[in-house]
C-alpha atoms as a PDB file:
ATOM      1  CA  UNK A   1     -97.412   5.352 -26.020  1.00  0.00           C
ATOM      2  CA  UNK A   2     -97.202   7.751 -23.029  1.00  0.00           C
ATOM      3  CA  UNK A   3     -94.528   7.203 -20.430  1.00  0.00           C
ATOM      4  CA  UNK A   4     -95.629   6.659 -16.907  1.00  0.00           C
ATOM      5  CA  UNK A   5     -93.305   8.163 -14.229  1.00  0.00           C
ATOM      6  CA  UNK A   6     -94.300   7.893 -10.590  1.00  0.00           C
ATOM      7  CA  UNK A   7     -91.840  10.596  -9.473  1.00  0.00           C
ATOM      8  CA  UNK A   8     -93.028  13.175 -12.034  1.00  0.00           C
ATOM      9  CA  UNK A   9     -96.694  12.586 -11.277  1.00  0.00           C
ATOM     10  CA  UNK A  10     -96.100  12.838  -7.532  1.00  0.00           C
ATOM     11  CA  UNK A  11     -94.165  16.094  -7.874  1.00  0.00           C
ATOM     12  CA  UNK A  12     -96.877  17.676 -10.007  1.00  0.00           C
ATOM     13  CA  UNK A  13     -99.616  16.546  -7.635  1.00  0.00           C
ATOM     14  CA  UNK A  14     -97.720  17.840  -4.579  1.00  0.00           C
ATOM     15  CA  UNK A  15     -97.159  21.228  -6.215  1.00  0.00           C
ATOM     16  CA  UNK A  16    -100.870  21.459  -6.956  1.00  0.00           C
ATOM     17  CA  UNK A  17    -101.659  20.491  -3.358  1.00  0.00           C
ATOM     18  CA  UNK A  18     -99.318  23.158  -1.939  1.00  0.00           C
ATOM     19  CA  UNK A  19    -100.786  25.802  -4.222  1.00  0.00           C
ATOM     20  CA  UNK A  20    -104.292  24.799  -3.150  1.00  0.00           C
ATOM     21  CA  UNK A  21    -103.252  24.976   0.517  1.00  0.00           C
ATOM     22  CA  UNK A  22    -101.816  28.461   0.035  1.00  0.00           C
ATOM     23  CA  UNK A  23    -104.973  29.686  -1.675  1.00  0.00           C
ATOM     24  CA  UNK A  24    -107.098  28.144   1.066  1.00  0.00           C
ATOM     25  CA  UNK A  25    -105.044  29.863   3.775  1.00  0.00           C
ATOM     26  CA  UNK A  26    -105.284  33.218   2.012  1.00  0.00           C
ATOM     27  CA  UNK A  27    -109.035  32.835   1.555  1.00  0.00           C
ATOM     28  CA  UNK A  28    -109.416  31.748   5.186  1.00  0.00           C
ATOM     29  CA  UNK A  29    -107.480  34.828   6.361  1.00  0.00           C
ATOM     30  CA  UNK A  30    -109.631  37.166   4.263  1.00  0.00           C
ATOM     31  CA  UNK A  31    -112.765  35.543   5.619  1.00  0.00           C
ATOM     32  CA  UNK A  32    -111.699  35.521   9.304  1.00  0.00           C
ATOM     33  CA  UNK A  33    -110.075  39.003   9.415  1.00  0.00           C
ATOM     34  CA  UNK A  34    -112.333  40.783   6.942  1.00  0.00           C
ATOM     35  CA  UNK A  35    -109.183  42.271   5.375  1.00  0.00           C
ATOM     36  CA  UNK A  36    -107.597  41.710   1.997  1.00  0.00           C
ATOM     37  CA  UNK A  37    -104.192  41.296   3.654  1.00  0.00           C
ATOM     38  CA  UNK A  38    -102.592  41.342   7.103  1.00  0.00           C
ATOM     39  CA  UNK A  39     -99.500  43.347   6.110  1.00  0.00           C
ATOM     40  CA  UNK A  40     -98.500  45.945   3.533  1.00  0.00           C
ATOM     41  CA  UNK A  41     -96.832  43.336   1.310  1.00  0.00           C
ATOM     42  CA  UNK A  42    -100.213  41.724   0.777  1.00  0.00           C
ATOM     43  CA  UNK A  43    -101.674  44.913  -0.705  1.00  0.00           C
ATOM     44  CA  UNK A  44     -99.198  44.964  -3.597  1.00  0.00           C
ATOM     45  CA  UNK A  45     -99.362  48.221  -5.580  1.00  0.00           C
ATOM     46  CA  UNK A  46    -101.882  49.645  -3.094  1.00  0.00           C
ATOM     47  CA  UNK A  47     -99.371  49.347  -0.239  1.00  0.00           C
ATOM     48  CA  UNK A  48     -98.040  52.911  -0.574  1.00  0.00           C
ATOM     49  CA  UNK A  49    -101.553  54.359  -0.579  1.00  0.00           C
ATOM     50  CA  UNK A  50    -102.630  52.276   2.416  1.00  0.00           C
ATOM     51  CA  UNK A  51     -99.480  53.253   4.327  1.00  0.00           C
ATOM     52  CA  UNK A  52    -100.038  56.958   3.612  1.00  0.00           C
ATOM     53  CA  UNK A  53    -103.673  56.762   4.720  1.00  0.00           C
ATOM     54  CA  UNK A  54    -102.764  54.974   7.928  1.00  0.00           C
ATOM     55  CA  UNK A  55    -100.058  57.537   8.710  1.00  0.00           C
ATOM     56  CA  UNK A  56    -102.564  60.341   8.237  1.00  0.00           C
ATOM     57  CA  UNK A  57    -105.025  58.460  10.440  1.00  0.00           C
ATOM     58  CA  UNK A  58    -102.457  58.200  13.226  1.00  0.00           C
ATOM     59  CA  UNK A  59    -101.608  61.907  12.986  1.00  0.00           C
ATOM     60  CA  UNK A  60    -105.261  62.975  13.103  1.00  0.00           C
ATOM     61  CA  UNK A  61    -105.933  60.665  16.067  1.00  0.00           C
ATOM     62  CA  UNK A  62    -102.952  62.182  17.880  1.00  0.00           C
ATOM     63  CA  UNK A  63    -104.463  65.648  17.364  1.00  0.00           C
ATOM     64  CA  UNK A  64    -107.828  64.443  18.673  1.00  0.00           C
ATOM     65  CA  UNK A  65    -106.213  62.966  21.801  1.00  0.00           C
ATOM     66  CA  UNK A  66    -104.243  66.182  22.370  1.00  0.00           C
ATOM     67  CA  UNK A  67    -107.338  68.320  21.855  1.00  0.00           C
ATOM     68  CA  UNK A  68    -109.303  66.286  24.390  1.00  0.00           C
ATOM     69  CA  UNK A  69    -106.508  66.706  26.941  1.00  0.00           C
ATOM     70  CA  UNK A  70    -106.481  70.466  26.283  1.00  0.00           C
ATOM     71  CA  UNK A  71    -110.288  70.550  26.600  1.00  0.00           C
ATOM     72  CA  UNK A  72    -110.059  68.912  30.024  1.00  0.00           C
ATOM     73  CA  UNK A  73    -107.380  71.375  31.096  1.00  0.00           C
ATOM     74  CA  UNK A  74    -109.488  74.327  29.962  1.00  0.00           C
ATOM     75  CA  UNK A  75    -112.464  72.962  31.896  1.00  0.00           C
ATOM     76  CA  UNK A  76    -110.317  72.772  35.034  1.00  0.00           C
ATOM     77  CA  UNK A  77    -109.151  76.348  34.437  1.00  0.00           C
ATOM     78  CA  UNK A  78    -112.751  77.487  34.067  1.00  0.00           C
ATOM     79  CA  UNK A  79    -113.688  75.938  37.407  1.00  0.00           C
ATOM     80  CA  UNK A  80    -110.683  77.529  39.139  1.00  0.00           C
ATOM     81  CA  UNK A  81    -111.472  80.975  37.717  1.00  0.00           C
ATOM     82  CA  UNK A  82    -115.076  80.560  38.760  1.00  0.00           C
ATOM     83  CA  UNK A  83    -113.945  79.981  42.354  1.00  0.00           C
ATOM     84  CA  UNK A  84    -111.745  83.094  42.242  1.00  0.00           C
ATOM     85  CA  UNK A  85    -114.505  85.337  40.890  1.00  0.00           C
ATOM     86  CA  UNK A  86    -116.998  83.937  43.410  1.00  0.00           C
ATOM     87  CA  UNK A  87    -114.568  84.569  46.288  1.00  0.00           C
ATOM     88  CA  UNK A  88    -113.960  88.140  45.098  1.00  0.00           C
ATOM     89  CA  UNK A  89    -117.712  88.729  44.873  1.00  0.00           C
ATOM     90  CA  UNK A  90    -118.259  87.162  48.310  1.00  0.00           C
ATOM     91  CA  UNK A  91    -115.594  89.454  49.776  1.00  0.00           C
ATOM     92  CA  UNK A  92    -117.280  92.491  48.267  1.00  0.00           C
ATOM     93  CA  UNK A  93    -120.608  91.302  49.700  1.00  0.00           C
ATOM     94  CA  UNK A  94    -119.083  90.806  53.169  1.00  0.00           C
ATOM     95  CA  UNK A  95    -117.774  94.370  53.144  1.00  0.00           C
ATOM     96  CA  UNK A  96    -121.123  95.682  51.863  1.00  0.00           C
ATOM     97  CA  UNK A  97    -122.932  93.846  54.669  1.00  0.00           C
ATOM     98  CA  UNK A  98    -120.549  95.314  57.242  1.00  0.00           C
ATOM     99  CA  UNK A  99    -121.146  98.813  55.904  1.00  0.00           C
ATOM    100  CA  UNK A 100    -124.900  98.253  55.958  1.00  0.00           C
ATOM    101  CA  UNK A 101    -124.742  96.969  59.546  1.00  0.00           C
ATOM    102  CA  UNK A 102    -122.379  99.716  60.636  1.00  0.00           C
ATOM    103  CA  UNK A 103    -120.105  97.201  62.346  1.00  0.00           C
ATOM    104  CA  UNK A 104    -117.120  95.084  61.315  1.00  0.00           C
ATOM    105  CA  UNK A 105    -117.562  92.173  63.696  1.00  0.00           C
ATOM    106  CA  UNK A 106    -116.182  89.008  62.059  1.00  0.00           C
ATOM    107  CA  UNK A 107    -115.194  90.851  58.875  1.00  0.00           C
ATOM    108  CA  UNK A 108    -111.504  89.959  59.017  1.00  0.00           C
ATOM    109  CA  UNK A 109    -112.286  86.292  59.595  1.00  0.00           C
ATOM    110  CA  UNK A 110    -114.479  86.274  56.497  1.00  0.00           C
ATOM    111  CA  UNK A 111    -111.765  88.021  54.476  1.00  0.00           C
ATOM    112  CA  UNK A 112    -109.195  85.437  55.570  1.00  0.00           C
ATOM    113  CA  UNK A 113    -111.470  82.635  54.395  1.00  0.00           C
ATOM    114  CA  UNK A 114    -112.042  84.246  50.985  1.00  0.00           C
ATOM    115  CA  UNK A 115    -108.319  84.928  50.544  1.00  0.00           C
ATOM    116  CA  UNK A 116    -107.589  81.272  51.258  1.00  0.00           C
ATOM    117  CA  UNK A 117    -110.188  80.265  48.670  1.00  0.00           C
ATOM    118  CA  UNK A 118    -108.535  82.454  46.040  1.00  0.00           C
ATOM    119  CA  UNK A 119    -105.057  81.184  46.915  1.00  0.00           C
ATOM    120  CA  UNK A 120    -106.219  77.564  46.711  1.00  0.00           C
ATOM    121  CA  UNK A 121    -107.868  78.198  43.330  1.00  0.00           C
ATOM    122  CA  UNK A 122    -104.629  79.683  41.973  1.00  0.00           C
ATOM    123  CA  UNK A 123    -102.859  76.502  43.138  1.00  0.00           C
ATOM    124  CA  UNK A 124    -105.312  74.206  41.349  1.00  0.00           C
ATOM    125  CA  UNK A 125    -103.703  71.085  39.923  1.00  0.00           C
ATOM    126  CA  UNK A 126    -104.690  69.085  36.855  1.00  0.00           C
ATOM    127  CA  UNK A 127    -103.165  65.654  36.206  1.00  0.00           C
ATOM    128  CA  UNK A 128    -100.470  66.345  38.794  1.00  0.00           C
ATOM    129  CA  UNK A 129     -99.435  69.750  37.436  1.00  0.00           C
ATOM    130  CA  UNK A 130    -100.301  73.255  38.598  1.00  0.00           C
ATOM    131  CA  UNK A 131    -102.579  74.952  36.081  1.00  0.00           C
ATOM    132  CA  UNK A 132    -101.338  78.503  36.512  1.00  0.00           C
ATOM    133  CA  UNK A 133     -97.592  77.928  37.023  1.00  0.00           C
ATOM    134  CA  UNK A 134     -96.538  78.631  33.451  1.00  0.00           C
ATOM    135  CA  UNK A 135     -93.327  76.831  32.516  1.00  0.00           C
ATOM    136  CA  UNK A 136     -92.714  75.546  36.071  1.00  0.00           C
ATOM    137  CA  UNK A 137     -95.785  73.346  36.358  1.00  0.00           C
ATOM    138  CA  UNK A 138     -94.352  71.407  39.315  1.00  0.00           C
ATOM    139  CA  UNK A 139     -94.071  74.573  41.451  1.00  0.00           C
ATOM    140  CA  UNK A 140     -96.925  75.964  43.529  1.00  0.00           C
ATOM    141  CA  UNK A 141     -97.671  79.358  41.910  1.00  0.00           C
ATOM    142  CA  UNK A 142     -99.123  80.934  45.067  1.00  0.00           C
ATOM    143  CA  UNK A 143     -96.958  79.865  48.031  1.00  0.00           C
ATOM    144  CA  UNK A 144     -98.490  82.494  50.341  1.00  0.00           C
ATOM    145  CA  UNK A 145    -100.796  80.521  52.634  1.00  0.00           C
ATOM    146  CA  UNK A 146    -102.639  83.301  54.476  1.00  0.00           C
ATOM    147  CA  UNK A 147    -103.093  87.040  54.912  1.00  0.00           C
ATOM    148  CA  UNK A 148    -100.361  87.264  57.559  1.00  0.00           C
ATOM    149  CA  UNK A 149     -97.804  85.841  55.122  1.00  0.00           C
ATOM    150  CA  UNK A 150     -99.063  88.171  52.398  1.00  0.00           C
ATOM    151  CA  UNK A 151     -98.507  91.164  54.699  1.00  0.00           C
ATOM    152  CA  UNK A 152     -94.851  90.153  55.139  1.00  0.00           C
ATOM    153  CA  UNK A 153     -94.071  90.281  51.387  1.00  0.00           C
ATOM    154  CA  UNK A 154     -92.312  93.418  50.157  1.00  0.00           C
ATOM    155  CA  UNK A 155     -94.500  93.565  47.060  1.00  0.00           C
ATOM    156  CA  UNK A 156     -97.370  91.544  45.664  1.00  0.00           C
ATOM    157  CA  UNK A 157     -95.013  90.090  43.040  1.00  0.00           C
ATOM    158  CA  UNK A 158     -93.181  88.298  45.844  1.00  0.00           C
ATOM    159  CA  UNK A 159     -96.385  86.392  46.606  1.00  0.00           C
ATOM    160  CA  UNK A 160     -96.151  84.457  43.328  1.00  0.00           C
ATOM    161  CA  UNK A 161     -93.676  81.821  42.162  1.00  0.00           C
ATOM    162  CA  UNK A 162     -95.048  80.939  38.704  1.00  0.00           C
ATOM    163  CA  UNK A 163     -93.039  81.052  35.515  1.00  0.00           C
ATOM    164  CA  UNK A 164     -93.816  83.383  32.644  1.00  0.00           C
ATOM    165  CA  UNK A 165     -94.166  80.911  29.793  1.00  0.00           C
ATOM    166  CA  UNK A 166     -97.811  80.347  28.951  1.00  0.00           C
ATOM    167  CA  UNK A 167     -99.088  76.859  28.175  1.00  0.00           C
ATOM    168  CA  UNK A 168     -99.243  76.390  24.391  1.00  0.00           C
ATOM    169  CA  UNK A 169    -100.874  73.484  22.576  1.00  0.00           C
ATOM    170  CA  UNK A 170    -100.665  72.173  18.992  1.00  0.00           C
ATOM    171  CA  UNK A 171    -104.284  71.562  18.073  1.00  0.00           C
ATOM    172  CA  UNK A 172    -103.800  70.693  14.411  1.00  0.00           C
ATOM    173  CA  UNK A 173    -101.073  70.553  11.784  1.00  0.00           C
ATOM    174  CA  UNK A 174    -101.182  74.340  11.369  1.00  0.00           C
ATOM    175  CA  UNK A 175    -102.738  75.516  14.648  1.00  0.00           C
ATOM    176  CA  UNK A 176    -100.755  76.264  17.808  1.00  0.00           C
ATOM    177  CA  UNK A 177    -102.663  78.198  20.471  1.00  0.00           C
ATOM    178  CA  UNK A 178    -101.828  79.634  23.886  1.00  0.00           C
ATOM    179  CA  UNK A 179    -104.332  78.088  26.279  1.00  0.00           C
ATOM    180  CA  UNK A 180    -102.698  78.785  29.638  1.00  0.00           C
ATOM    181  CA  UNK A 181    -103.037  81.546  32.220  1.00  0.00           C
ATOM    182  CA  UNK A 182    -100.557  82.726  34.852  1.00  0.00           C
ATOM    183  CA  UNK A 183    -101.279  82.942  38.560  1.00  0.00           C
ATOM    184  CA  UNK A 184     -99.732  86.388  38.999  1.00  0.00           C
ATOM    185  CA  UNK A 185    -101.840  87.820  36.167  1.00  0.00           C
ATOM    186  CA  UNK A 186    -105.031  86.392  37.656  1.00  0.00           C
ATOM    187  CA  UNK A 187    -104.295  87.114  41.294  1.00  0.00           C
ATOM    188  CA  UNK A 188    -102.118  90.240  41.532  1.00  0.00           C
ATOM    189  CA  UNK A 189    -105.008  92.689  41.619  1.00  0.00           C
ATOM    190  CA  UNK A 190    -106.870  90.769  44.319  1.00  0.00           C
ATOM    191  CA  UNK A 191    -103.721  90.111  46.352  1.00  0.00           C
ATOM    192  CA  UNK A 192    -102.923  93.827  46.280  1.00  0.00           C
ATOM    193  CA  UNK A 193    -106.369  94.648  47.664  1.00  0.00           C
ATOM    194  CA  UNK A 194    -105.968  92.087  50.442  1.00  0.00           C
ATOM    195  CA  UNK A 195    -102.495  93.443  51.212  1.00  0.00           C
ATOM    196  CA  UNK A 196    -103.945  96.954  51.489  1.00  0.00           C
ATOM    197  CA  UNK A 197    -106.609  95.573  53.847  1.00  0.00           C
ATOM    198  CA  UNK A 198    -103.926  94.121  56.110  1.00  0.00           C
ATOM    199  CA  UNK A 199    -102.109  97.449  56.085  1.00  0.00           C
ATOM    200  CA  UNK A 200    -105.343  99.206  57.017  1.00  0.00           C
ATOM    201  CA  UNK A 201    -106.058  96.652  59.736  1.00  0.00           C
ATOM    202  CA  UNK A 202    -102.579  97.198  61.208  1.00  0.00           C
ATOM    203  CA  UNK A 203    -103.252 100.921  61.691  1.00  0.00           C
ATOM    204  CA  UNK A 204    -107.025 100.845  62.232  1.00  0.00           C
ATOM    205  CA  UNK A 205    -108.231  97.377  63.295  1.00  0.00           C
ATOM    206  CA  UNK A 206    -111.237  96.188  61.304  1.00  0.00           C
ATOM    207  CA  UNK A 207    -113.498  95.580  64.261  1.00  0.00           C
ATOM    208  CA  UNK A 208    -116.220  97.397  66.152  1.00  0.00           C
ATOM    209  CA  UNK A 209    -118.224 100.338  64.850  1.00  0.00           C
ATOM    210  CA  UNK A 210    -117.648 101.842  61.405  1.00  0.00           C
ATOM    211  CA  UNK A 211    -117.000 105.581  61.468  1.00  0.00           C
ATOM    212  CA  UNK A 212    -117.097 107.923  58.478  1.00  0.00           C
ATOM    213  CA  UNK A 213    -113.420 107.489  57.653  1.00  0.00           C
ATOM    214  CA  UNK A 214    -113.648 103.704  57.809  1.00  0.00           C
ATOM    215  CA  UNK A 215    -116.854 103.799  55.791  1.00  0.00           C
ATOM    216  CA  UNK A 216    -115.048 105.615  52.993  1.00  0.00           C
ATOM    217  CA  UNK A 217    -112.116 103.187  53.129  1.00  0.00           C
ATOM    218  CA  UNK A 218    -114.352 100.120  53.073  1.00  0.00           C
ATOM    219  CA  UNK A 219    -116.446 101.526  50.232  1.00  0.00           C
ATOM    220  CA  UNK A 220    -113.280 101.989  48.167  1.00  0.00           C
ATOM    221  CA  UNK A 221    -112.192  98.412  48.915  1.00  0.00           C
ATOM    222  CA  UNK A 222    -115.627  97.112  48.003  1.00  0.00           C
ATOM    223  CA  UNK A 223    -115.492  98.859  44.632  1.00  0.00           C
ATOM    224  CA  UNK A 224    -112.008  97.487  43.957  1.00  0.00           C
ATOM    225  CA  UNK A 225    -113.178  93.942  44.683  1.00  0.00           C
ATOM    226  CA  UNK A 226    -116.086  94.426  42.298  1.00  0.00           C
ATOM    227  CA  UNK A 227    -113.722  95.561  39.528  1.00  0.00           C
ATOM    228  CA  UNK A 228    -111.334  92.691  40.235  1.00  0.00           C
ATOM    229  CA  UNK A 229    -114.181  90.165  40.062  1.00  0.00           C
ATOM    230  CA  UNK A 230    -115.201  91.549  36.669  1.00  0.00           C
ATOM    231  CA  UNK A 231    -111.630  91.226  35.409  1.00  0.00           C
ATOM    232  CA  UNK A 232    -111.537  87.570  36.457  1.00  0.00           C
ATOM    233  CA  UNK A 233    -114.849  86.993  34.660  1.00  0.00           C
ATOM    234  CA  UNK A 234    -113.304  88.559  31.539  1.00  0.00           C
ATOM    235  CA  UNK A 235    -110.382  86.128  31.751  1.00  0.00           C
ATOM    236  CA  UNK A 236    -112.873  83.313  32.254  1.00  0.00           C
ATOM    237  CA  UNK A 237    -114.613  84.460  29.076  1.00  0.00           C
ATOM    238  CA  UNK A 238    -111.327  84.283  27.189  1.00  0.00           C
ATOM    239  CA  UNK A 239    -110.876  80.757  28.500  1.00  0.00           C
ATOM    240  CA  UNK A 240    -114.376  80.002  27.197  1.00  0.00           C
ATOM    241  CA  UNK A 241    -113.348  81.211  23.733  1.00  0.00           C
ATOM    242  CA  UNK A 242    -110.436  78.770  23.851  1.00  0.00           C
ATOM    243  CA  UNK A 243    -112.842  75.992  24.862  1.00  0.00           C
ATOM    244  CA  UNK A 244    -115.118  76.722  21.912  1.00  0.00           C
ATOM    245  CA  UNK A 245    -112.184  76.742  19.504  1.00  0.00           C
ATOM    246  CA  UNK A 246    -110.900  73.419  20.809  1.00  0.00           C
ATOM    247  CA  UNK A 247    -114.368  71.835  20.588  1.00  0.00           C
ATOM    248  CA  UNK A 248    -114.678  72.979  16.968  1.00  0.00           C
ATOM    249  CA  UNK A 249    -111.278  71.524  16.107  1.00  0.00           C
ATOM    250  CA  UNK A 250    -112.184  68.225  17.797  1.00  0.00           C
ATOM    251  CA  UNK A 251    -115.331  68.028  15.651  1.00  0.00           C
ATOM    252  CA  UNK A 252    -113.370  68.831  12.492  1.00  0.00           C
ATOM    253  CA  UNK A 253    -110.714  66.225  13.237  1.00  0.00           C
ATOM    254  CA  UNK A 254    -113.381  63.657  14.103  1.00  0.00           C
ATOM    255  CA  UNK A 255    -114.928  64.188  10.665  1.00  0.00           C
ATOM    256  CA  UNK A 256    -111.471  63.757   9.117  1.00  0.00           C
ATOM    257  CA  UNK A 257    -110.927  60.567  11.114  1.00  0.00           C
ATOM    258  CA  UNK A 258    -114.252  59.132   9.944  1.00  0.00           C
ATOM    259  CA  UNK A 259    -113.480  59.980   6.306  1.00  0.00           C
ATOM    260  CA  UNK A 260    -110.027  58.409   6.554  1.00  0.00           C
ATOM    261  CA  UNK A 261    -111.504  55.278   8.122  1.00  0.00           C
ATOM    262  CA  UNK A 262    -113.817  54.893   5.128  1.00  0.00           C
ATOM    263  CA  UNK A 263    -110.930  55.438   2.692  1.00  0.00           C
ATOM    264  CA  UNK A 264    -108.748  52.873   4.459  1.00  0.00           C
ATOM    265  CA  UNK A 265    -111.624  50.404   4.598  1.00  0.00           C
ATOM    266  CA  UNK A 266    -112.185  50.768   0.859  1.00  0.00           C
ATOM    267  CA  UNK A 267    -108.548  49.804   0.313  1.00  0.00           C
ATOM    268  CA  UNK A 268    -108.179  47.093   2.951  1.00  0.00           C
ATOM    269  CA  UNK A 269    -111.569  45.528   3.712  1.00  0.00           C
ATOM    270  CA  UNK A 270    -112.417  42.319   1.918  1.00  0.00           C
ATOM    271  CA  UNK A 271    -115.613  41.765  -0.065  1.00  0.00           C
ATOM    272  CA  UNK A 272    -117.137  39.202   2.305  1.00  0.00           C
ATOM    273  CA  UNK A 273    -119.420  37.649  -0.319  1.00  0.00           C
ATOM    274  CA  UNK A 274    -116.431  37.129  -2.589  1.00  0.00           C
ATOM    275  CA  UNK A 275    -114.314  35.943   0.353  1.00  0.00           C
ATOM    276  CA  UNK A 276    -116.857  33.207   1.173  1.00  0.00           C
ATOM    277  CA  UNK A 277    -117.000  32.088  -2.457  1.00  0.00           C
ATOM    278  CA  UNK A 278    -113.188  32.079  -2.775  1.00  0.00           C
ATOM    279  CA  UNK A 279    -112.901  30.056   0.434  1.00  0.00           C
ATOM    280  CA  UNK A 280    -115.375  27.442  -0.766  1.00  0.00           C
ATOM    281  CA  UNK A 281    -113.659  27.143  -4.163  1.00  0.00           C
ATOM    282  CA  UNK A 282    -110.229  26.916  -2.531  1.00  0.00           C
ATOM    283  CA  UNK A 283    -111.447  24.174  -0.194  1.00  0.00           C
ATOM    284  CA  UNK A 284    -112.854  22.204  -3.148  1.00  0.00           C
ATOM    285  CA  UNK A 285    -109.545  22.578  -5.020  1.00  0.00           C
ATOM    286  CA  UNK A 286    -107.637  21.479  -1.904  1.00  0.00           C
ATOM    287  CA  UNK A 287    -109.799  18.393  -1.514  1.00  0.00           C
ATOM    288  CA  UNK A 288    -109.359  17.522  -5.188  1.00  0.00           C
ATOM    289  CA  UNK A 289    -105.579  17.890  -4.976  1.00  0.00           C
ATOM    290  CA  UNK A 290    -105.467  15.769  -1.843  1.00  0.00           C
ATOM    291  CA  UNK A 291    -107.483  13.032  -3.563  1.00  0.00           C
ATOM    292  CA  UNK A 292    -105.085  13.018  -6.519  1.00  0.00           C
ATOM    293  CA  UNK A 293    -102.097  12.670  -4.201  1.00  0.00           C
ATOM    294  CA  UNK A 294    -103.864   9.860  -2.329  1.00  0.00           C
ATOM    295  CA  UNK A 295    -104.656   8.013  -5.563  1.00  0.00           C
ATOM    296  CA  UNK A 296    -101.085   8.370  -6.855  1.00  0.00           C
ATOM    297  CA  UNK A 297     -99.779   6.699  -3.716  1.00  0.00           C
ATOM    298  CA  UNK A 298    -101.779   3.571  -4.712  1.00  0.00           C
ATOM    299  CA  UNK A 299    -100.667   3.580  -8.397  1.00  0.00           C
ATOM    300  CA  UNK A 300     -98.047   1.012  -9.413  1.00  0.00           C
ATOM    301  CA  UNK A 301     -96.275   0.418 -12.750  1.00  0.00           C
ATOM    302  CA  UNK A 302     -97.334  -3.184 -12.419  1.00  0.00           C
ATOM    303  CA  UNK A 303    -100.821  -2.071 -13.469  1.00  0.00           C
ATOM    304  CA  UNK A 304     -99.398  -1.263 -16.940  1.00  0.00           C
ATOM    305  CA  UNK A 305     -97.481  -4.501 -17.411  1.00  0.00           C
END
């Protein structure tokens, strides 16, 4: 004859109910999150692999974010250089027009405007920092505001306050590239020409009719501005090479990020068809366990007497 023990039956039924509840919760989590687990512990022996993949994901995403920031900076540099080359070309054209007209009326005013444009371009800021200041990105690289101030400097070098450390960026695990330019390297040649113009204007004012001597002087200045504009365009081309390199690296890292996402998904994503089935089975088991516990509460030893 089998012994009937209320306590033993209740304990067994409660353990089955708790197990069913745990399985139901796990199945519900897989179904609602679409993941096999919500933490590394839940992945068991796959935890190390998942952790390594996620770490690589984070590193690649960091490179992508950095590359995009560098791309934006290079775009700002391109625009600034474009303004400088355009101003140099406009200055050359103004001198050419004066030579063609045989008069210099308004020439100095035009030169002052173009100098200001170049100075402003050298002081271009991006995200609160000066683009061409080197290692002192919070310092205005071209503090000279106008031609009169430029004329007071002992040398052209005194017209610049930038540092000499170029901006460098880590674009990938093994790629560090200089992507910055310095204001003095971009502007020294043009500033020297403008300084020579002020010196010429101090001895022979640039106004009125152009004589043979002035014609020769202006022609020389015009040719120097043309050469300086070409040099700026060359630097702009180098900036364009940097832009292309950064774009290529962004594409490469984006491909890596997509591949890693697939690999992580393979390890962490739940099979939704299986998750639905497991949830339904777990719910059935939970209901069955609950019914057993409910029935045991109504069982009495008096039924066996």
